[in-house]
PDB file of all heavy atoms in Angstrom:
ATOM      1  N   ARG A   1      89.008  89.710  88.952  1.00  0.00           N
ATOM      2  CA  ARG A   1      89.211  90.549  87.763  1.00  0.00           C
ATOM      3  C   ARG A   1      90.539  91.298  87.861  1.00  0.00           C
ATOM      4  O   ARG A   1      91.316  91.355  86.888  1.00  0.00           O
ATOM      5  CB  ARG A   1      88.038  91.529  87.653  1.00  0.00           C
ATOM      6  CG  ARG A   1      88.075  92.483  86.459  1.00  0.00           C
ATOM      7  CD  ARG A   1      86.850  93.405  86.549  1.00  0.00           C
ATOM      8  NE  ARG A   1      86.643  94.158  85.325  1.00  0.00           N
ATOM      9  CZ  ARG A   1      87.120  95.380  85.102  1.00  0.00           C
ATOM     10  NH1 ARG A   1      87.871  95.963  86.027  1.00  0.00           N
ATOM     11  NH2 ARG A   1      86.869  96.002  83.959  1.00  0.00           N
ATOM     12  N   VAL A   2      90.814  91.873  89.035  1.00  0.00           N
ATOM     13  CA  VAL A   2      92.066  92.600  89.234  1.00  0.00           C
ATOM     14  C   VAL A   2      93.259  91.666  89.099  1.00  0.00           C
ATOM     15  O   VAL A   2      94.265  91.993  88.451  1.00  0.00           O
ATOM     16  CB  VAL A   2      92.065  93.284  90.618  1.00  0.00           C
ATOM     17  CG1 VAL A   2      93.447  93.861  90.932  1.00  0.00           C
ATOM     18  CG2 VAL A   2      91.009  94.388  90.667  1.00  0.00           C
ATOM     19  N   SER A   3      93.150  90.491  89.711  1.00  0.00           N
ATOM     20  CA  SER A   3      94.253  89.532  89.643  1.00  0.00           C
ATOM     21  C   SER A   3      94.571  89.167  88.202  1.00  0.00           C
ATOM     22  O   SER A   3      95.744  89.086  87.811  1.00  0.00           O
ATOM     23  CB  SER A   3      93.894  88.273  90.437  1.00  0.00           C
ATOM     24  OG  SER A   3      93.763  88.566  91.812  1.00  0.00           O
ATOM     25  N   ALA A   4      93.528  88.962  87.388  1.00  0.00           N
ATOM     26  CA  ALA A   4      93.741  88.586  85.992  1.00  0.00           C
ATOM     27  C   ALA A   4      94.329  89.743  85.191  1.00  0.00           C
ATOM     28  O   ALA A   4      95.219  89.544  84.353  1.00  0.00           O
ATOM     29  CB  ALA A   4      92.413  88.136  85.381  1.00  0.00           C
ATOM     30  N   ARG A   5      93.854  90.967  85.460  1.00  0.00           N
ATOM     31  CA  ARG A   5      94.319  92.127  84.696  1.00  0.00           C
ATOM     32  C   ARG A   5      95.747  92.527  85.064  1.00  0.00           C
ATOM     33  O   ARG A   5      96.504  93.004  84.226  1.00  0.00           O
ATOM     34  CB  ARG A   5      93.381  93.313  84.927  1.00  0.00           C
ATOM     35  CG  ARG A   5      92.085  93.231  84.144  1.00  0.00           C
ATOM     36  CD  ARG A   5      91.028  94.192  84.720  1.00  0.00           C
ATOM     37  NE  ARG A   5      91.474  95.560  84.843  1.00  0.00           N
ATOM     38  CZ  ARG A   5      91.320  96.517  83.914  1.00  0.00           C
ATOM     39  NH1 ARG A   5      90.748  96.215  82.751  1.00  0.00           N
ATOM     40  NH2 ARG A   5      91.730  97.754  84.130  1.00  0.00           N
ATOM     41  N   ARG A   6      96.109  92.349  86.332  1.00  0.00           N
ATOM     42  CA  ARG A   6      97.393  92.875  86.810  1.00  0.00           C
ATOM     43  C   ARG A   6      98.404  91.785  87.160  1.00  0.00           C
ATOM     44  O   ARG A   6      99.550  92.105  87.498  1.00  0.00           O
ATOM     45  CB  ARG A   6      97.149  93.775  88.038  1.00  0.00           C
ATOM     46  CG  ARG A   6      96.392  95.048  87.679  1.00  0.00           C
ATOM     47  CD  ARG A   6      96.258  95.989  88.866  1.00  0.00           C
ATOM     48  NE  ARG A   6      95.587  97.228  88.472  1.00  0.00           N
ATOM     49  CZ  ARG A   6      96.201  98.323  88.053  1.00  0.00           C
ATOM     50  NH1 ARG A   6      97.523  98.334  87.943  1.00  0.00           N
ATOM     51  NH2 ARG A   6      95.509  99.402  87.726  1.00  0.00           N
ATOM     52  N   GLY A   7      97.970  90.534  87.142  1.00  0.00           N
ATOM     53  CA  GLY A   7      98.887  89.453  87.452  1.00  0.00           C
ATOM     54  C   GLY A   7      99.358  89.452  88.889  1.00  0.00           C
ATOM     55  O   GLY A   7     100.527  89.148  89.166  1.00  0.00           O
ATOM     56  N   ILE A   8      98.457  89.828  89.821  1.00  0.00           N
ATOM     57  CA  ILE A   8      98.813  89.833  91.236  1.00  0.00           C
ATOM     58  C   ILE A   8      97.945  88.819  91.968  1.00  0.00           C
ATOM     59  O   ILE A   8      96.854  88.462  91.514  1.00  0.00           O
ATOM     60  CB  ILE A   8      98.651  91.230  91.867  1.00  0.00           C
ATOM     61  CG1 ILE A   8      97.214  91.745  91.702  1.00  0.00           C
ATOM     62  CG2 ILE A   8      99.629  92.205  91.248  1.00  0.00           C
ATOM     63  CD1 ILE A   8      96.980  93.102  92.330  1.00  0.00           C
ATOM     64  N   ASP A   9      98.425  88.361  93.111  1.00  0.00           N
ATOM     65  CA  ASP A   9      97.732  87.331  93.875  1.00  0.00           C
ATOM     66  C   ASP A   9      96.919  87.978  94.980  1.00  0.00           C
ATOM     67  O   ASP A   9      97.474  88.524  95.938  1.00  0.00           O
ATOM     68  CB  ASP A   9      98.749  86.352  94.464  1.00  0.00           C
ATOM     69  CG  ASP A   9      98.070  85.231  95.265  1.00  0.00           C
ATOM     70  OD1 ASP A   9      96.832  85.112  95.167  1.00  0.00           O
ATOM     71  OD2 ASP A   9      98.783  84.504  95.969  1.00  0.00           O
ATOM     72  N   LEU A  10      95.595  87.933  94.850  1.00  0.00           N
ATOM     73  CA  LEU A  10      94.699  88.451  95.885  1.00  0.00           C
ATOM     74  C   LEU A  10      93.930  87.317  96.546  1.00  0.00           C
ATOM     75  O   LEU A  10      92.775  87.481  96.955  1.00  0.00           O
ATOM     76  CB  LEU A  10      93.742  89.490  95.296  1.00  0.00           C
ATOM     77  CG  LEU A  10      94.397  90.784  94.796  1.00  0.00           C
ATOM     78  CD1 LEU A  10      93.363  91.727  94.212  1.00  0.00           C
ATOM     79  CD2 LEU A  10      95.169  91.470  95.929  1.00  0.00           C
ATOM     80  N   GLY A  11      94.549  86.150  96.636  1.00  0.00           N
ATOM     81  CA  GLY A  11      93.963  85.054  97.386  1.00  0.00           C
ATOM     82  C   GLY A  11      92.678  84.523  96.807  1.00  0.00           C
ATOM     83  O   GLY A  11      91.715  84.338  97.545  1.00  0.00           O
ATOM     84  N   ASP A  12      92.596  84.299  95.529  1.00  0.00           N
ATOM     85  CA  ASP A  12      91.441  83.772  94.778  1.00  0.00           C
ATOM     86  C   ASP A  12      90.151  84.559  95.011  1.00  0.00           C
ATOM     87  O   ASP A  12      89.046  84.073  94.786  1.00  0.00           O
ATOM     88  CB  ASP A  12      91.222  82.277  95.037  1.00  0.00           C
ATOM     89  CG  ASP A  12      90.609  81.946  96.402  1.00  0.00           C
ATOM     90  OD1 ASP A  12      90.174  82.868  97.119  1.00  0.00           O
ATOM     91  OD2 ASP A  12      90.560  80.737  96.736  1.00  0.00           O
ATOM     92  N   GLY A  13      90.291  85.809  95.452  1.00  0.00           N
ATOM     93  CA  GLY A  13      89.128  86.692  95.593  1.00  0.00           C
ATOM     94  C   GLY A  13      88.437  86.608  96.923  1.00  0.00           C
ATOM     95  O   GLY A  13      87.576  87.444  97.222  1.00  0.00           O
ATOM     96  N   GLY A  14      88.775  85.646  97.751  1.00  0.00           N
ATOM     97  CA  GLY A  14      88.079  85.485  99.016  1.00  0.00           C
ATOM     98  C   GLY A  14      88.863  85.929 100.230  1.00  0.00           C
ATOM     99  O   GLY A  14      88.380  85.804 101.352  1.00  0.00           O
ATOM    100  N   ASP A  15      90.057  86.452 100.034  1.00  0.00           N
ATOM    101  CA  ASP A  15      90.918  86.860 101.152  1.00  0.00           C
ATOM    102  C   ASP A  15      90.783  88.370 101.337  1.00  0.00           C
ATOM    103  O   ASP A  15      91.490  89.157 100.704  1.00  0.00           O
ATOM    104  CB  ASP A  15      92.364  86.462 100.862  1.00  0.00           C
ATOM    105  CG  ASP A  15      93.306  86.734 102.027  1.00  0.00           C
ATOM    106  OD1 ASP A  15      92.944  87.516 102.927  1.00  0.00           O
ATOM    107  OD2 ASP A  15      94.409  86.158 102.031  1.00  0.00           O
ATOM    108  N   TYR A  16      89.878  88.786 102.241  1.00  0.00           N
ATOM    109  CA  TYR A  16      89.639  90.226 102.401  1.00  0.00           C
ATOM    110  C   TYR A  16      90.899  90.955 102.829  1.00  0.00           C
ATOM    111  O   TYR A  16      91.197  92.050 102.323  1.00  0.00           O
ATOM    112  CB  TYR A  16      88.524  90.487 103.421  1.00  0.00           C
ATOM    113  CG  TYR A  16      88.239  91.966 103.557  1.00  0.00           C
ATOM    114  CD1 TYR A  16      87.387  92.609 102.656  1.00  0.00           C
ATOM    115  CD2 TYR A  16      88.872  92.744 104.524  1.00  0.00           C
ATOM    116  CE1 TYR A  16      87.162  93.975 102.730  1.00  0.00           C
ATOM    117  CE2 TYR A  16      88.656  94.105 104.610  1.00  0.00           C
ATOM    118  CZ  TYR A  16      87.796  94.720 103.713  1.00  0.00           C
ATOM    119  OH  TYR A  16      87.590  96.073 103.781  1.00  0.00           O
ATOM    120  N   ASP A  17      91.658  90.394 103.759  1.00  0.00           N
ATOM    121  CA  ASP A  17      92.836  91.101 104.270  1.00  0.00           C
ATOM    122  C   ASP A  17      93.868  91.332 103.169  1.00  0.00           C
ATOM    123  O   ASP A  17      94.518  92.388 103.126  1.00  0.00           O
ATOM    124  CB  ASP A  17      93.448  90.326 105.427  1.00  0.00           C
ATOM    125  CG  ASP A  17      92.540  90.328 106.657  1.00  0.00           C
ATOM    126  OD1 ASP A  17      91.826  91.321 106.861  1.00  0.00           O
ATOM    127  OD2 ASP A  17      92.537  89.330 107.393  1.00  0.00           O
ATOM    128  N   ALA A  18      94.004  90.370 102.252  1.00  0.00           N
ATOM    129  CA  ALA A  18      94.936  90.552 101.137  1.00  0.00           C
ATOM    130  C   ALA A  18      94.447  91.659 100.204  1.00  0.00           C
ATOM    131  O   ALA A  18      95.240  92.491  99.734  1.00  0.00           O
ATOM    132  CB  ALA A  18      95.094  89.245 100.365  1.00  0.00           C
ATOM    133  N   ILE A  19      93.144  91.677  99.943  1.00  0.00           N
ATOM    134  CA  ILE A  19      92.586  92.729  99.078  1.00  0.00           C
ATOM    135  C   ILE A  19      92.754  94.087  99.740  1.00  0.00           C
ATOM    136  O   ILE A  19      93.134  95.075  99.086  1.00  0.00           O
ATOM    137  CB  ILE A  19      91.101  92.448  98.785  1.00  0.00           C
ATOM    138  CG1 ILE A  19      90.930  91.070  98.140  1.00  0.00           C
ATOM    139  CG2 ILE A  19      90.516  93.520  97.868  1.00  0.00           C
ATOM    140  CD1 ILE A  19      89.476  90.603  98.083  1.00  0.00           C
ATOM    141  N   TRP A  20      92.485  94.153 101.045  1.00  0.00           N
ATOM    142  CA  TRP A  20      92.611  95.433 101.757  1.00  0.00           C
ATOM    143  C   TRP A  20      94.054  95.936 101.728  1.00  0.00           C
ATOM    144  O   TRP A  20      94.285  97.119 101.467  1.00  0.00           O
ATOM    145  CB  TRP A  20      92.130  95.281 103.204  1.00  0.00           C
ATOM    146  CG  TRP A  20      92.272  96.556 103.993  1.00  0.00           C
ATOM    147  CD1 TRP A  20      91.433  97.633 103.972  1.00  0.00           C
ATOM    148  CD2 TRP A  20      93.345  96.903 104.872  1.00  0.00           C
ATOM    149  NE1 TRP A  20      91.908  98.628 104.794  1.00  0.00           N
ATOM    150  CE2 TRP A  20      93.078  98.205 105.354  1.00  0.00           C
ATOM    151  CE3 TRP A  20      94.500  96.243 105.297  1.00  0.00           C
ATOM    152  CZ2 TRP A  20      93.929  98.851 106.255  1.00  0.00           C
ATOM    153  CZ3 TRP A  20      95.354  96.889 106.188  1.00  0.00           C
ATOM    154  CH2 TRP A  20      95.066  98.172 106.663  1.00  0.00           C
ATOM    155  N   ARG A  21      95.005  95.047 102.020  1.00  0.00           N
ATOM    156  CA  ARG A  21      96.410  95.485 102.008  1.00  0.00           C
ATOM    157  C   ARG A  21      96.802  96.046 100.650  1.00  0.00           C
ATOM    158  O   ARG A  21      97.448  97.101 100.566  1.00  0.00           O
ATOM    159  CB  ARG A  21      97.330  94.317 102.392  1.00  0.00           C
ATOM    160  CG  ARG A  21      97.376  94.012 103.871  1.00  0.00           C
ATOM    161  CD  ARG A  21      98.524  93.066 104.204  1.00  0.00           C
ATOM    162  NE  ARG A  21      98.378  91.784 103.529  1.00  0.00           N
ATOM    163  CZ  ARG A  21      97.706  90.755 104.022  1.00  0.00           C
ATOM    164  NH1 ARG A  21      97.095  90.849 105.193  1.00  0.00           N
ATOM    165  NH2 ARG A  21      97.626  89.614 103.350  1.00  0.00           N
ATOM    166  N   TRP A  22      96.423  95.354  99.586  1.00  0.00           N
ATOM    167  CA  TRP A  22      96.728  95.874  98.247  1.00  0.00           C
ATOM    168  C   TRP A  22      96.066  97.231  98.040  1.00  0.00           C
ATOM    169  O   TRP A  22      96.675  98.162  97.489  1.00  0.00           O
ATOM    170  CB  TRP A  22      96.253  94.875  97.186  1.00  0.00           C
ATOM    171  CG  TRP A  22      96.185  95.460  95.811  1.00  0.00           C
ATOM    172  CD1 TRP A  22      97.232  95.791  94.997  1.00  0.00           C
ATOM    173  CD2 TRP A  22      95.001  95.824  95.094  1.00  0.00           C
ATOM    174  NE1 TRP A  22      96.776  96.327  93.815  1.00  0.00           N
ATOM    175  CE2 TRP A  22      95.405  96.356  93.845  1.00  0.00           C
ATOM    176  CE3 TRP A  22      93.638  95.736  95.380  1.00  0.00           C
ATOM    177  CZ2 TRP A  22      94.491  96.814  92.897  1.00  0.00           C
ATOM    178  CZ3 TRP A  22      92.718  96.183  94.438  1.00  0.00           C
ATOM    179  CH2 TRP A  22      93.153  96.717  93.211  1.00  0.00           C
ATOM    180  N   SER A  23      94.822  97.378  98.506  1.00  0.00           N
ATOM    181  CA  SER A  23      94.072  98.612  98.244  1.00  0.00           C
ATOM    182  C   SER A  23      94.686  99.822  98.938  1.00  0.00           C
ATOM    183  O   SER A  23      94.634 100.933  98.393  1.00  0.00           O
ATOM    184  CB  SER A  23      92.607  98.447  98.665  1.00  0.00           C
ATOM    185  OG  SER A  23      92.454  98.441 100.079  1.00  0.00           O
ATOM    186  N   VAL A  24      95.250  99.642 100.139  1.00  0.00           N
ATOM    187  CA  VAL A  24      95.831 100.794 100.839  1.00  0.00           C
ATOM    188  C   VAL A  24      97.290 101.022 100.449  1.00  0.00           C
ATOM    189  O   VAL A  24      97.778 102.159 100.519  1.00  0.00           O
ATOM    190  CB  VAL A  24      95.707 100.649 102.372  1.00  0.00           C
ATOM    191  CG1 VAL A  24      94.251 100.664 102.790  1.00  0.00           C
ATOM    192  CG2 VAL A  24      96.398  99.404 102.891  1.00  0.00           C
ATOM    193  N   GLU A  25      97.972  99.965 100.033  1.00  0.00           N
ATOM    194  CA  GLU A  25      99.373 100.124  99.617  1.00  0.00           C
ATOM    195  C   GLU A  25      99.490 100.616  98.180  1.00  0.00           C
ATOM    196  O   GLU A  25     100.528 101.174  97.789  1.00  0.00           O
ATOM    197  CB  GLU A  25     100.111  98.792  99.771  1.00  0.00           C
ATOM    198  CG  GLU A  25     100.274  98.368 101.227  1.00  0.00           C
ATOM    199  CD  GLU A  25     100.825  96.954 101.364  1.00  0.00           C
ATOM    200  OE1 GLU A  25     101.084  96.320 100.300  1.00  0.00           O
ATOM    201  OE2 GLU A  25     100.994  96.488 102.509  1.00  0.00           O
ATOM    202  N   HIS A  26      98.435 100.411  97.389  1.00  0.00           N
ATOM    203  CA  HIS A  26      98.445 100.817  95.979  1.00  0.00           C
ATOM    204  C   HIS A  26      97.144 101.549  95.663  1.00  0.00           C
ATOM    205  O   HIS A  26      96.310 101.068  94.887  1.00  0.00           O
ATOM    206  CB  HIS A  26      98.612  99.596  95.078  1.00  0.00           C
ATOM    207  CG  HIS A  26      99.846  98.799  95.351  1.00  0.00           C
ATOM    208  ND1 HIS A  26     101.082  99.169  94.887  1.00  0.00           N
ATOM    209  CD2 HIS A  26     100.031  97.663  96.070  1.00  0.00           C
ATOM    210  CE1 HIS A  26     101.988  98.284  95.289  1.00  0.00           C
ATOM    211  NE2 HIS A  26     101.370  97.365  96.006  1.00  0.00           N
ATOM    212  N   LEU A  27      96.969 102.718  96.264  1.00  0.00           N
ATOM    213  CA  LEU A  27      95.746 103.486  96.078  1.00  0.00           C
ATOM    214  C   LEU A  27      95.482 103.776  94.609  1.00  0.00           C
ATOM    215  O   LEU A  27      94.337 103.727  94.152  1.00  0.00           O
ATOM    216  CB  LEU A  27      95.822 104.809  96.847  1.00  0.00           C
ATOM    217  CG  LEU A  27      95.746 104.762  98.374  1.00  0.00           C
ATOM    218  CD1 LEU A  27      95.913 106.167  98.941  1.00  0.00           C
ATOM    219  CD2 LEU A  27      94.421 104.164  98.835  1.00  0.00           C
ATOM    220  N   ASP A  28      96.530 104.092  93.875  1.00  0.00           N
ATOM    221  CA  ASP A  28      96.341 104.436  92.465  1.00  0.00           C
ATOM    222  C   ASP A  28      95.791 103.234  91.693  1.00  0.00           C
ATOM    223  O   ASP A  28      94.849 103.365  90.898  1.00  0.00           O
ATOM    224  CB  ASP A  28      97.645 104.940  91.850  1.00  0.00           C
ATOM    225  CG  ASP A  28      98.840 104.027  92.132  1.00  0.00           C
ATOM    226  OD1 ASP A  28      98.690 103.022  92.861  1.00  0.00           O
ATOM    227  OD2 ASP A  28      99.941 104.318  91.607  1.00  0.00           O
ATOM    228  N   GLN A  29      96.341 102.061  91.930  1.00  0.00           N
ATOM    229  CA  GLN A  29      95.847 100.865  91.245  1.00  0.00           C
ATOM    230  C   GLN A  29      94.402 100.559  91.649  1.00  0.00           C
ATOM    231  O   GLN A  29      93.557 100.257  90.797  1.00  0.00           O
ATOM    232  CB  GLN A  29      96.733  99.663  91.570  1.00  0.00           C
ATOM    233  CG  GLN A  29      98.155  99.754  91.051  1.00  0.00           C
ATOM    234  CD  GLN A  29      98.962  98.511  91.392  1.00  0.00           C
ATOM    235  OE1 GLN A  29      98.395  97.446  91.679  1.00  0.00           O
ATOM    236  NE2 GLN A  29     100.282  98.625  91.368  1.00  0.00           N
ATOM    237  N   PHE A  30      94.145 100.612  92.951  1.00  0.00           N
ATOM    238  CA  PHE A  30      92.802 100.259  93.426  1.00  0.00           C
ATOM    239  C   PHE A  30      91.743 101.163  92.811  1.00  0.00           C
ATOM    240  O   PHE A  30      90.729 100.688  92.274  1.00  0.00           O
ATOM    241  CB  PHE A  30      92.735 100.335  94.952  1.00  0.00           C
ATOM    242  CG  PHE A  30      91.336 100.114  95.487  1.00  0.00           C
ATOM    243  CD1 PHE A  30      90.827  98.830  95.610  1.00  0.00           C
ATOM    244  CD2 PHE A  30      90.523 101.188  95.831  1.00  0.00           C
ATOM    245  CE1 PHE A  30      89.533  98.613  96.083  1.00  0.00           C
ATOM    246  CE2 PHE A  30      89.234 100.989  96.303  1.00  0.00           C
ATOM    247  CZ  PHE A  30      88.742  99.696  96.427  1.00  0.00           C
TER     248      PHE A  30
END
């Protein structure tokens, strides 16, 4: 859902480390 709304690559939803990195680097977005 986030990838579709924001146009960012979170590894097709199954890459936890990619999701985590985005979440801590972009707290406001997360």
